[in-house]
Amino acid sequence: MEEKKGNKAMKKTLFSLFSFISLFSLFFSSCGRSSAGDGGELTGVSAPGWTEPNPHGMVLIKRGSFEMGSAQNDTIWGIYQNPKGVSIDNFWMDETEITNSEYRQFVYWVRDSIIRERLYDPAYGGNDLFKIEEDKEGNPYDPPILDWKRPIPTEKRANEDELLAIHSVNRTNPITGETKLDPEQMIYRYSVFDATQAALRRNRLNPERRIYNTDIKVDPAEVVMISKDTAYIDDEGRIINETLTRPLESIWDFYNTYIINIYPDESVWVNDFTNSYNEPYMRMYFNHPGYNDYPVVGVSWEQANAFCTWRTEYLKKSLDDAHKNTIEPYRLPTEGEFEYAARSGKSENIYPWRQDTPVGDKGCFLGNFKPGEGNYTQDGHLITSRVASFSPNEFGLYDMAGNVAEWTSTAFLESGPEIMNDINPQYYYNAAKEDPYATKKKVVRGGSWKDVAHFIRSDIRSFEYQNEQRSYIGFRCVRTQVGFSKGKK
C-alpha cells in the first residue's frame, strides 16, 4: 500500500516537473524566437496597420521641392528675386475654398448643440433623453454628453417648452421684424494639445532631460515658465480668452482652451467699402441658397482655426476608437504648402497656370480678379464667383489665384522664407491676447476678386491681422497624409 502511494507521488512529481519544463520551453520559444521562425535574426515587428480613407473633396499634393519666393524681378512693384530652395512633404488639400454651405454646416452644428443643451436643461422642460449619461459598459459620463442620434423635435411635434428652446437661438429685428439665427449665440468652445511646445527640450517635465551637455550642472529645482491659453464666460456673459504665464507643472499645461464666436461677419460688405451700396450682400451672401457654392468670407483666422478643429472632431466621431486618434488633424496650410500647391510644385510658375499672364491665349480669363481700373466684371464676375468656375491647376486645385485670398497658419514677418527651415518651412507664433497687435499678423496668399493681377501671383505675400474679417478673405483646409515612401521592408 505504501509502495503504491510512493509510486503515485513519484509520478505526480515527474508530471509536475515535465509540465514545468514544457511551459519553460514554450516561454523561451515564444520570447526568444518569433512564431514566424526567423531563426533568431532581426526581422522587425510591424506596427498595427490601417489604411487611411481618402478625405472627401481633397486632392493629394505629393512631396517635392521648389524655389519658394519671388520667381522674377519686378522693378515696378519693388520686388527682387530672392528665392529659397525648400522641400514639402505629402499633404491633402481642399480642391476649393470652403464654401458658404460647408461653413454653414459648422454653424448649424453649433446651433443644434445649443438647442440640445437647452432641451436637456430643466428651464426648457428638462428632457434627459437629449444627453447620454453612461457608456455601453455602464460607466458614467461626467459630465453627460449630447445624444446626436436623437432628433430635435419639429415645429409641429414640439411642446411649448421645446418650442421655446428651439426658438431661443434666433433673434428678431424690432424694426424690420426679420427673424434669423442670432450670431452672438454661435459660440464654439474647443481645446487643443500643443504637441510642438510639449516636445521642446526646454519644456520637459524631467529637468535632467532638458540639457544633454554633461558639463552643465542641472538644477532639479529649476522653474520653467510656460504660456497657457484658457477661456471662460464671465458673470456678464462676455467671452474671456486670455493667456496665463505660470510655472510648468504637468503635461496639461500644454492643453489650450478657446471660446470663439464662429458666425461670419456679414457686415464686412459694408465696412470694407465706404460710399458703396453693398447691403444686399450683407443680407444675402451667407444665407441665401443662391450663394451656397460661393467661398465663405467674413471669417477671421481665429474662426478658420476653430473650423479646422471642429472638422477634425466631426471626422473622429465617425471612426472607431482604435483609429480616431491615428488621423492627422485638419488645419490651415503653411505658407510654404500654399505656395507649393499654387505653383503646381514648379519654381518657374508665377501663377497657378503655366503662362505668365492671367489671361489665356484666346482672351479667356484664368481667374477671378480685377482686370482694370473700376472694371470688375470683365472676367464675368463682380464680386466672388462660384468655386471651381475656372479651370484647376496641374494639381487639380481650383481658385488658387483670385476669387478670395486665403488664410495660412504662418505668422507674418517681412523676412519670410529667409528665416524658415528648408524642410516643411513654417514660422508659427501663437500671439497672446496681451501681445502687441503687430505680432498678430498672419500670412494671406492667393489674392482676391478685388485685386489686380499682380496681387494674385503665387509668389506674392500679404498679411492680415488674425482677428480681422474681410469680404475678400476665405480659407481652405489641409491635412498631412498618413503614408510612407517605399523603402526597406
Protein backbone atom coordinates (compact mmCIF):
# COMPACT_ATOMS: atom_id res chain seq x y z
CA MET A 1 0.00 0.00 0.00
CA GLU A 2 2.78 2.40 0.97
CA GLU A 3 4.70 1.41 -2.18
CA LYS A 4 1.67 2.25 -4.35
CA LYS A 5 1.35 5.68 -2.64
CA GLY A 6 5.07 6.30 -3.20
CA ASN A 7 4.85 5.40 -6.87
CA LYS A 8 1.82 7.65 -7.23
CA ALA A 9 3.63 10.56 -5.55
CA MET A 10 6.70 9.95 -7.75
CA LYS A 11 4.55 10.01 -10.92
CA LYS A 12 2.86 13.26 -9.75
CA THR A 13 6.26 14.86 -9.13
CA LEU A 14 7.60 13.74 -12.52
CA PHE A 15 4.43 15.05 -14.20
CA SER A 16 4.77 18.42 -12.49
CA LEU A 17 8.45 18.61 -13.47
CA PHE A 18 7.61 17.68 -17.06
CA SER A 19 4.85 20.33 -17.13
CA PHE A 20 7.26 22.98 -15.78
CA ILE A 21 9.90 22.09 -18.38
CA SER A 22 7.27 22.19 -21.14
CA LEU A 23 5.97 25.58 -20.02
CA PHE A 24 9.55 26.91 -19.69
CA SER A 25 10.34 25.69 -23.20
CA LEU A 26 7.18 27.28 -24.54
CA PHE A 27 8.00 30.56 -22.79
CA PHE A 28 11.56 30.51 -24.11
CA SER A 29 10.47 29.70 -27.65
CA SER A 30 7.83 32.44 -27.64
CA CYS A 31 10.15 35.09 -26.18
CA GLY A 32 13.45 34.12 -27.73
CA ARG A 33 12.18 33.14 -31.17
CA SER A 34 9.28 34.54 -33.16
CA SER A 35 6.39 32.40 -34.30
CA ALA A 36 7.40 33.29 -37.87
CA GLY A 37 10.52 31.18 -37.49
CA ASP A 38 13.06 33.96 -38.04
CA GLY A 39 15.84 31.77 -36.69
CA GLY A 40 16.91 34.34 -34.13
CA GLU A 41 17.54 37.01 -36.80
CA LEU A 42 16.49 40.66 -36.61
CA THR A 43 13.44 40.90 -38.86
CA GLY A 44 11.46 43.76 -37.30
CA VAL A 45 7.96 43.93 -35.92
CA SER A 46 5.29 45.75 -37.88
CA ALA A 47 3.10 48.34 -36.21
CA PRO A 48 -0.66 47.73 -36.47
CA GLY A 49 -1.73 48.71 -39.96
CA TRP A 50 -4.64 50.87 -41.09
CA THR A 51 -5.31 52.41 -44.46
CA GLU A 52 -6.49 55.98 -44.01
CA PRO A 53 -9.51 56.75 -46.22
CA ASN A 54 -9.09 59.48 -48.82
CA PRO A 55 -10.65 62.66 -47.40
CA HIS A 56 -13.73 63.87 -49.27
CA GLY A 57 -13.22 66.83 -51.61
CA MET A 58 -9.44 66.90 -51.20
CA VAL A 59 -6.51 66.47 -53.56
CA LEU A 60 -3.28 64.72 -52.61
CA ILE A 61 -0.32 67.06 -53.11
CA LYS A 62 2.73 64.84 -53.47
CA ARG A 63 6.03 65.73 -51.85
CA GLY A 64 8.55 67.72 -53.82
CA SER A 65 10.87 70.71 -53.83
CA PHE A 66 10.73 74.16 -55.42
CA GLU A 67 12.17 77.65 -55.19
CA MET A 68 9.99 79.47 -52.67
CA GLY A 69 9.74 83.23 -53.06
CA SER A 70 9.71 85.74 -55.91
CA ALA A 71 10.30 83.99 -59.21
CA GLN A 72 11.43 87.12 -61.06
CA ASN A 73 12.35 90.76 -60.54
CA ASP A 74 9.58 93.34 -60.75
CA THR A 75 11.02 96.83 -60.51
CA ILE A 76 7.60 98.45 -60.92
CA TRP A 77 6.42 96.90 -57.66
CA GLY A 78 9.85 96.94 -55.99
CA ILE A 79 10.13 93.13 -55.86
CA TYR A 80 13.50 91.48 -56.39
CA GLN A 81 14.19 87.84 -56.96
CA ASN A 82 15.34 86.11 -53.78
CA PRO A 83 14.08 82.52 -53.87
CA LYS A 84 14.93 79.79 -51.40
CA GLY A 85 15.03 76.09 -52.20
CA VAL A 86 12.66 74.15 -49.92
CA SER A 87 11.04 70.70 -49.74
CA ILE A 88 7.45 69.91 -48.83
CA ASP A 89 6.02 66.56 -47.68
CA ASN A 90 2.77 64.94 -48.84
CA PHE A 91 -0.47 66.60 -47.77
CA TRP A 92 -4.12 66.66 -48.69
CA MET A 93 -5.66 69.99 -49.71
CA ASP A 94 -9.25 71.04 -50.34
CA GLU A 95 -9.97 71.29 -54.07
CA THR A 96 -11.74 74.60 -53.49
CA GLU A 97 -12.10 77.24 -50.84
CA ILE A 98 -14.52 76.39 -48.03
CA THR A 99 -17.96 77.39 -49.28
CA ASN A 100 -20.88 79.08 -47.55
CA SER A 101 -22.78 75.78 -47.41
CA GLU A 102 -19.79 73.95 -45.90
CA TYR A 103 -19.20 76.61 -43.27
CA ARG A 104 -22.94 76.74 -42.61
CA GLN A 105 -22.74 73.05 -41.63
CA PHE A 106 -20.37 74.13 -38.85
CA VAL A 107 -22.67 76.97 -37.77
CA TYR A 108 -25.73 74.70 -37.74
CA TRP A 109 -23.84 72.07 -35.73
CA VAL A 110 -23.14 74.73 -33.10
CA ARG A 111 -26.78 75.87 -33.27
CA ASP A 112 -28.09 72.32 -32.82
CA SER A 113 -25.72 71.63 -29.93
CA ILE A 114 -27.09 74.72 -28.15
CA ILE A 115 -30.68 73.60 -28.76
CA ARG A 116 -29.94 70.09 -27.45
CA GLU A 117 -28.30 71.54 -24.34
CA ARG A 118 -31.41 73.62 -23.70
CA LEU A 119 -33.80 70.72 -24.33
CA TYR A 120 -31.90 68.89 -21.58
CA ASP A 121 -31.99 71.98 -19.32
CA PRO A 122 -34.81 71.89 -16.70
CA ALA A 123 -35.58 75.52 -17.65
CA TYR A 124 -36.75 74.27 -21.05
CA GLY A 125 -38.52 71.08 -19.99
CA GLY A 126 -35.55 69.01 -18.82
CA ASN A 127 -35.69 66.08 -21.26
CA ASP A 128 -32.97 63.66 -20.08
CA LEU A 129 -33.09 61.80 -23.40
CA PHE A 130 -31.06 64.51 -25.13
CA LYS A 131 -27.92 63.52 -23.25
CA ILE A 132 -26.14 60.22 -22.71
CA GLU A 133 -25.19 59.67 -19.10
CA GLU A 134 -23.47 56.26 -19.34
CA ASP A 135 -21.30 54.46 -21.89
CA LYS A 136 -22.05 50.95 -23.21
CA GLU A 137 -20.32 49.36 -20.19
CA GLY A 138 -22.40 51.38 -17.73
CA ASN A 139 -19.61 53.79 -16.79
CA PRO A 140 -20.92 57.32 -16.15
CA TYR A 141 -20.02 60.26 -18.39
CA ASP A 142 -19.00 63.24 -16.29
CA PRO A 143 -20.50 65.47 -17.50
CA PRO A 144 -23.12 63.72 -19.69
CA ILE A 145 -22.64 64.07 -23.45
CA LEU A 146 -25.13 65.16 -26.12
CA ASP A 147 -27.05 62.44 -27.92
CA TRP A 148 -26.73 63.46 -31.57
CA LYS A 149 -28.77 60.47 -32.71
CA ARG A 150 -31.90 61.88 -31.08
CA PRO A 151 -33.54 64.33 -33.50
CA ILE A 152 -34.66 67.78 -32.44
CA PRO A 153 -38.49 67.90 -32.46
CA THR A 154 -40.15 69.51 -35.47
CA GLU A 155 -42.26 72.63 -35.05
CA LYS A 156 -45.46 70.57 -35.32
CA ARG A 157 -44.45 67.93 -32.77
CA ALA A 158 -42.65 70.11 -30.22
CA ASN A 159 -44.38 71.06 -26.97
CA GLU A 160 -44.35 74.56 -25.54
CA ASP A 161 -41.06 74.16 -23.65
CA GLU A 162 -39.35 72.53 -26.65
CA LEU A 163 -40.50 75.32 -28.96
CA LEU A 164 -39.06 77.84 -26.53
CA ALA A 165 -35.67 76.04 -26.65
CA ILE A 166 -35.72 75.75 -30.45
CA HIS A 167 -36.58 79.42 -30.99
CA SER A 168 -34.19 80.67 -28.32
CA VAL A 169 -31.27 80.62 -30.77
CA ASN A 170 -32.99 83.17 -33.03
CA ARG A 171 -33.41 86.90 -32.73
CA THR A 172 -35.97 89.25 -34.23
CA ASN A 173 -35.13 92.72 -35.52
CA PRO A 174 -37.51 95.00 -33.57
CA ILE A 175 -37.78 97.41 -36.51
CA THR A 176 -37.96 95.19 -39.60
CA GLY A 177 -39.49 92.17 -37.88
CA GLU A 178 -36.96 89.88 -39.57
CA THR A 179 -36.17 86.70 -37.60
CA LYS A 180 -32.84 84.96 -38.14
CA LEU A 181 -30.18 83.00 -36.30
CA ASP A 182 -28.60 85.04 -33.52
CA PRO A 183 -24.88 85.42 -34.39
CA GLU A 184 -23.99 86.34 -30.81
CA GLN A 185 -25.05 82.91 -29.54
CA MET A 186 -22.98 80.91 -32.03
CA ILE A 187 -20.19 80.12 -29.59
CA TYR A 188 -17.79 77.20 -30.07
CA ARG A 189 -15.58 76.02 -27.23
CA TYR A 190 -12.65 73.78 -28.07
CA SER A 191 -9.32 72.62 -26.70
CA VAL A 192 -6.14 71.58 -28.48
CA PHE A 193 -2.95 69.96 -27.24
CA ASP A 194 0.19 71.84 -28.33
CA ALA A 195 2.41 68.85 -29.07
CA THR A 196 5.19 71.04 -30.50
CA GLN A 197 5.64 73.05 -27.31
CA ALA A 198 5.37 69.90 -25.20
CA ALA A 199 8.14 68.27 -27.24
CA LEU A 200 10.68 71.09 -26.85
CA ARG A 201 13.58 70.04 -24.63
CA ARG A 202 13.36 73.19 -22.55
CA ASN A 203 9.77 72.25 -21.63
CA ARG A 204 10.39 68.70 -20.49
CA LEU A 205 8.99 67.80 -17.10
CA ASN A 206 12.18 65.98 -16.12
CA PRO A 207 14.91 68.66 -15.64
CA GLU A 208 17.68 66.15 -16.39
CA ARG A 209 16.26 65.66 -19.89
CA ARG A 210 16.33 69.37 -20.79
CA ILE A 211 20.10 69.66 -21.27
CA TYR A 212 22.30 66.91 -22.67
CA ASN A 213 25.59 68.73 -22.12
CA THR A 214 27.12 66.89 -19.14
CA ASP A 215 29.41 69.88 -18.44
CA ILE A 216 26.40 71.84 -17.31
CA LYS A 217 25.10 71.14 -13.84
CA VAL A 218 21.37 70.52 -13.85
CA ASP A 219 19.31 72.30 -11.21
CA PRO A 220 16.40 69.94 -10.37
CA ALA A 221 14.56 72.87 -8.76
CA GLU A 222 14.70 75.00 -11.92
CA VAL A 223 11.34 76.62 -12.69
CA VAL A 224 10.25 76.67 -16.31
CA MET A 225 7.66 79.30 -17.18
CA ILE A 226 5.13 78.47 -19.90
CA SER A 227 2.23 80.29 -21.59
CA LYS A 228 -1.15 78.61 -21.50
CA ASP A 229 -4.28 79.81 -23.32
CA THR A 230 -7.53 79.50 -21.44
CA ALA A 231 -11.05 80.79 -21.90
CA TYR A 232 -14.26 81.23 -19.95
CA ILE A 233 -17.51 83.20 -19.95
CA ASP A 234 -17.76 85.74 -17.13
CA ASP A 235 -20.80 86.58 -15.00
CA GLU A 236 -21.95 89.18 -17.53
CA GLY A 237 -21.88 86.68 -20.38
CA ARG A 238 -18.72 88.04 -22.01
CA ILE A 239 -16.23 85.68 -23.66
CA ILE A 240 -12.84 85.94 -21.99
CA ASN A 241 -9.84 84.46 -23.83
CA GLU A 242 -6.56 85.03 -22.02
CA THR A 243 -3.03 83.74 -21.80
CA LEU A 244 -1.63 82.66 -18.43
CA THR A 245 2.08 82.66 -17.71
CA ARG A 246 2.87 80.19 -14.96
CA PRO A 247 5.39 77.53 -13.84
CA LEU A 248 5.32 74.28 -15.78
CA GLU A 249 3.67 71.61 -13.64
CA SER A 250 2.25 68.90 -15.86
CA ILE A 251 1.50 67.92 -19.44
CA TRP A 252 -1.90 69.59 -19.04
CA ASP A 253 -0.11 72.94 -19.24
CA PHE A 254 0.11 72.39 -22.99
CA TYR A 255 -3.64 71.88 -23.31
CA ASN A 256 -5.10 75.18 -24.53
CA THR A 257 -8.76 76.16 -24.47
CA TYR A 258 -10.54 78.72 -26.66
CA ILE A 259 -14.09 80.07 -26.89
CA ILE A 260 -14.82 81.59 -30.29
CA ASN A 261 -17.84 83.24 -31.83
CA ILE A 262 -17.83 81.42 -35.16
CA TYR A 263 -20.55 83.27 -37.10
CA PRO A 264 -19.16 85.12 -40.15
CA ASP A 265 -19.23 88.91 -40.02
CA GLU A 266 -21.84 89.75 -42.64
CA SER A 267 -21.20 93.48 -42.24
CA VAL A 268 -17.81 93.20 -43.99
CA TRP A 269 -19.53 94.04 -47.28
CA VAL A 270 -20.38 97.45 -45.87
CA ASN A 271 -17.33 98.10 -43.70
CA ASP A 272 -14.77 97.14 -46.36
CA PHE A 273 -16.25 99.56 -48.90
CA THR A 274 -17.27 103.05 -47.87
CA ASN A 275 -19.66 105.04 -50.08
CA SER A 276 -20.85 101.85 -51.75
CA TYR A 277 -24.25 100.15 -51.80
CA ASN A 278 -23.43 96.58 -50.73
CA GLU A 279 -26.30 96.00 -48.31
CA PRO A 280 -27.81 93.16 -50.40
CA TYR A 281 -24.60 91.13 -49.95
CA MET A 282 -24.74 91.80 -46.22
CA ARG A 283 -28.27 90.37 -46.06
CA MET A 284 -27.95 87.50 -48.52
CA TYR A 285 -24.37 86.39 -49.18
CA PHE A 286 -24.00 83.88 -46.34
CA ASN A 287 -27.61 82.71 -46.04
CA HIS A 288 -29.22 82.83 -49.47
CA PRO A 289 -29.13 79.45 -51.33
CA GLY A 290 -28.01 81.26 -54.48
CA TYR A 291 -24.63 81.74 -52.78
CA ASN A 292 -24.30 78.18 -51.44
CA ASP A 293 -21.28 77.35 -53.61
CA TYR A 294 -19.50 80.67 -53.19
CA PRO A 295 -16.48 80.91 -50.86
CA VAL A 296 -17.30 81.88 -47.29
CA VAL A 297 -15.93 85.31 -46.31
CA GLY A 298 -16.04 87.43 -43.17
CA VAL A 299 -14.21 84.65 -41.31
CA SER A 300 -11.16 85.53 -39.24
CA TRP A 301 -8.01 83.45 -38.88
CA GLU A 302 -9.20 82.53 -35.39
CA GLN A 303 -12.58 81.35 -36.72
CA ALA A 304 -10.90 79.39 -39.53
CA ASN A 305 -8.80 77.53 -36.94
CA ALA A 306 -11.93 76.75 -34.93
CA PHE A 307 -13.49 75.31 -38.12
CA CYS A 308 -10.44 73.08 -38.67
CA THR A 309 -10.71 71.72 -35.12
CA TRP A 310 -14.45 71.09 -35.47
CA ARG A 311 -13.92 69.35 -38.82
CA THR A 312 -11.33 67.07 -37.22
CA GLU A 313 -13.59 66.18 -34.30
CA TYR A 314 -16.54 65.67 -36.63
CA LEU A 315 -14.49 63.15 -38.63
CA LYS A 316 -13.28 61.36 -35.48
CA LYS A 317 -16.85 60.75 -34.35
CA SER A 318 -17.36 58.61 -37.47
CA LEU A 319 -14.33 56.41 -36.70
CA ASP A 320 -13.94 53.62 -34.16
CA ASP A 321 -11.86 54.08 -31.01
CA ALA A 322 -8.90 52.21 -32.48
CA HIS A 323 -8.47 54.69 -35.34
CA LYS A 324 -9.92 58.03 -34.32
CA ASN A 325 -6.60 59.16 -32.80
CA THR A 326 -4.43 57.93 -35.68
CA ILE A 327 -5.52 60.54 -38.22
CA GLU A 328 -3.77 63.85 -38.70
CA PRO A 329 -5.91 66.91 -37.90
CA TYR A 330 -7.37 69.29 -40.44
CA ARG A 331 -5.51 72.60 -40.31
CA LEU A 332 -4.72 75.73 -42.29
CA PRO A 333 -1.91 75.30 -44.83
CA THR A 334 1.52 76.66 -44.07
CA GLU A 335 2.70 79.46 -46.31
CA GLY A 336 5.14 77.04 -47.94
CA GLU A 337 2.42 74.46 -48.61
CA PHE A 338 0.11 77.04 -50.16
CA GLU A 339 2.78 78.44 -52.49
CA TYR A 340 3.97 74.97 -53.49
CA ALA A 341 0.40 73.88 -54.25
CA ALA A 342 -0.48 77.10 -56.07
CA ARG A 343 2.57 76.86 -58.34
CA SER A 344 1.93 73.17 -59.05
CA GLY A 345 5.33 72.49 -57.50
CA LYS A 346 7.13 74.38 -60.29
CA SER A 347 9.60 77.13 -59.48
CA GLU A 348 9.10 78.83 -62.85
CA ASN A 349 5.34 79.33 -62.33
CA ILE A 350 4.35 82.74 -61.01
CA TYR A 351 0.65 81.88 -61.34
CA PRO A 352 -1.18 78.57 -60.78
CA TRP A 353 -1.25 78.14 -64.53
CA ARG A 354 1.72 77.72 -66.87
CA GLN A 355 1.74 81.12 -68.55
CA ASP A 356 2.90 84.39 -67.03
CA THR A 357 -0.35 86.29 -67.61
CA PRO A 358 -3.81 85.93 -66.03
CA VAL A 359 -5.49 85.85 -69.45
CA GLY A 360 -5.32 82.85 -71.77
CA ASP A 361 -4.20 82.82 -75.41
CA LYS A 362 -7.81 83.13 -76.60
CA GLY A 363 -8.55 86.06 -74.30
CA CYS A 364 -10.25 83.93 -71.63
CA PHE A 365 -9.65 84.91 -68.04
CA LEU A 366 -7.95 82.24 -65.92
CA GLY A 367 -9.12 83.54 -62.56
CA ASN A 368 -11.43 85.97 -60.79
CA PHE A 369 -9.63 89.28 -60.17
CA LYS A 370 -9.88 92.99 -61.03
CA PRO A 371 -8.83 93.27 -64.70
CA GLY A 372 -8.85 97.06 -64.96
CA GLU A 373 -9.46 100.31 -63.13
CA GLY A 374 -13.05 100.22 -61.91
CA ASN A 375 -13.76 97.19 -64.10
CA TYR A 376 -14.53 94.12 -62.02
CA THR A 377 -16.88 92.46 -64.48
CA GLN A 378 -14.57 91.85 -67.44
CA ASP A 379 -13.78 88.36 -66.09
CA GLY A 380 -17.50 87.61 -65.85
CA HIS A 381 -17.96 88.35 -62.12
CA LEU A 382 -18.50 91.42 -59.99
CA ILE A 383 -17.54 90.08 -56.59
CA THR A 384 -16.69 86.46 -55.73
CA SER A 385 -17.55 83.65 -58.12
CA ARG A 386 -18.77 80.13 -57.52
CA VAL A 387 -15.86 77.94 -56.55
CA ALA A 388 -14.38 75.96 -59.46
CA SER A 389 -15.70 78.46 -62.02
CA PHE A 390 -12.25 78.47 -63.64
CA SER A 391 -10.00 75.59 -64.68
CA PRO A 392 -7.86 73.91 -62.00
CA ASN A 393 -4.09 73.96 -61.93
CA GLU A 394 -1.96 70.88 -62.65
CA PHE A 395 -2.50 69.60 -59.11
CA GLY A 396 -6.29 69.72 -59.58
CA LEU A 397 -6.80 72.72 -57.29
CA TYR A 398 -9.28 75.48 -58.09
CA ASP A 399 -9.06 79.22 -57.41
CA MET A 400 -5.51 79.20 -56.03
CA ALA A 401 -5.27 82.71 -57.53
CA GLY A 402 -8.10 85.20 -57.19
CA ASN A 403 -11.70 84.74 -56.02
CA VAL A 404 -10.77 85.09 -52.33
CA ALA A 405 -7.39 85.43 -50.70
CA GLU A 406 -6.75 82.67 -48.17
CA TRP A 407 -5.50 82.39 -44.62
CA THR A 408 -2.40 80.35 -43.88
CA SER A 409 -1.15 79.17 -40.49
CA THR A 410 2.10 81.15 -40.87
CA ALA A 411 2.81 84.25 -38.79
CA PHE A 412 3.90 87.18 -40.94
CA LEU A 413 7.43 88.58 -40.84
CA GLU A 414 8.99 90.71 -43.55
CA SER A 415 11.92 88.30 -43.80
CA GLY A 416 9.52 85.49 -44.61
CA PRO A 417 11.07 82.31 -46.04
CA GLU A 418 14.60 83.54 -45.28
CA ILE A 419 14.24 82.65 -41.58
CA MET A 420 12.35 79.41 -42.19
CA ASN A 421 13.82 75.94 -42.42
CA ASP A 422 14.22 74.42 -45.88
CA ILE A 423 12.23 71.31 -44.90
CA ASN A 424 8.49 71.95 -44.48
CA PRO A 425 9.15 75.70 -43.96
CA GLN A 426 6.98 77.37 -41.35
CA TYR A 427 7.11 80.25 -38.89
CA TYR A 428 4.46 79.97 -36.20
CA TYR A 429 3.78 82.42 -33.41
CA ASN A 430 0.79 81.95 -31.12
CA ALA A 431 0.18 85.55 -30.12
CA ALA A 432 -1.35 86.09 -26.71
CA LYS A 433 -4.26 88.48 -26.34
CA GLU A 434 -1.99 90.82 -24.40
CA ASP A 435 0.71 90.86 -27.13
CA PRO A 436 1.20 93.95 -29.32
CA TYR A 437 -1.20 93.96 -32.27
CA ALA A 438 1.74 93.90 -34.70
CA THR A 439 2.55 90.34 -33.57
CA LYS A 440 -0.89 89.13 -34.69
CA LYS A 441 -0.27 89.35 -38.43
CA LYS A 442 -0.89 86.14 -40.37
CA VAL A 443 0.19 85.43 -43.93
CA VAL A 444 -2.55 85.64 -46.56
CA ARG A 445 -1.97 84.17 -50.00
CA GLY A 446 -3.56 83.98 -53.45
CA GLY A 447 -5.11 87.41 -53.89
CA SER A 448 -8.81 88.05 -54.36
CA TRP A 449 -11.60 89.24 -56.63
CA LYS A 450 -10.84 92.88 -55.74
CA ASP A 451 -7.10 92.67 -56.51
CA VAL A 452 -5.26 93.49 -59.71
CA ALA A 453 -3.25 90.78 -61.49
CA HIS A 454 -0.02 91.50 -59.60
CA PHE A 455 -1.50 90.58 -56.21
CA ILE A 456 -2.91 87.22 -57.30
CA ARG A 457 0.56 85.95 -58.22
CA SER A 458 1.55 82.76 -56.39
CA ASP A 459 4.88 84.21 -55.23
CA ILE A 460 3.41 87.35 -53.64
CA ARG A 461 2.93 87.57 -49.87
CA SER A 462 0.39 89.63 -47.96
CA PHE A 463 -0.96 89.69 -44.40
CA GLU A 464 -3.97 90.44 -42.26
CA TYR A 465 -4.50 90.53 -38.51
CA GLN A 466 -5.73 87.25 -37.03
CA ASN A 467 -8.97 88.69 -35.61
CA GLU A 468 -9.90 90.67 -38.73
CA GLN A 469 -12.77 89.63 -41.01
CA ARG A 470 -12.84 90.67 -44.66
CA SER A 471 -15.15 90.34 -47.66
CA TYR A 472 -12.20 89.15 -49.73
CA ILE A 473 -10.50 86.60 -47.42
CA GLY A 474 -11.56 82.97 -47.06
CA PHE A 475 -9.67 79.73 -46.47
CA ARG A 476 -9.29 76.07 -47.27
CA CYS A 477 -8.03 73.17 -45.16
CA VAL A 478 -5.13 70.76 -45.49
CA ARG A 479 -4.23 67.53 -43.73
CA THR A 480 -0.85 65.81 -43.64
CA GLN A 481 -1.06 62.46 -45.40
CA VAL A 482 -0.59 59.41 -43.22
CA GLY A 483 1.60 57.47 -45.60
CA PHE A 484 5.13 56.32 -46.26
CA SER A 485 7.57 56.31 -49.15
CA LYS A 486 8.80 52.96 -50.42
CA GLY A 487 11.94 51.78 -48.69
CA LYS A 488 13.28 48.90 -46.58
CA LYS A 489 10.81 46.16 -45.93
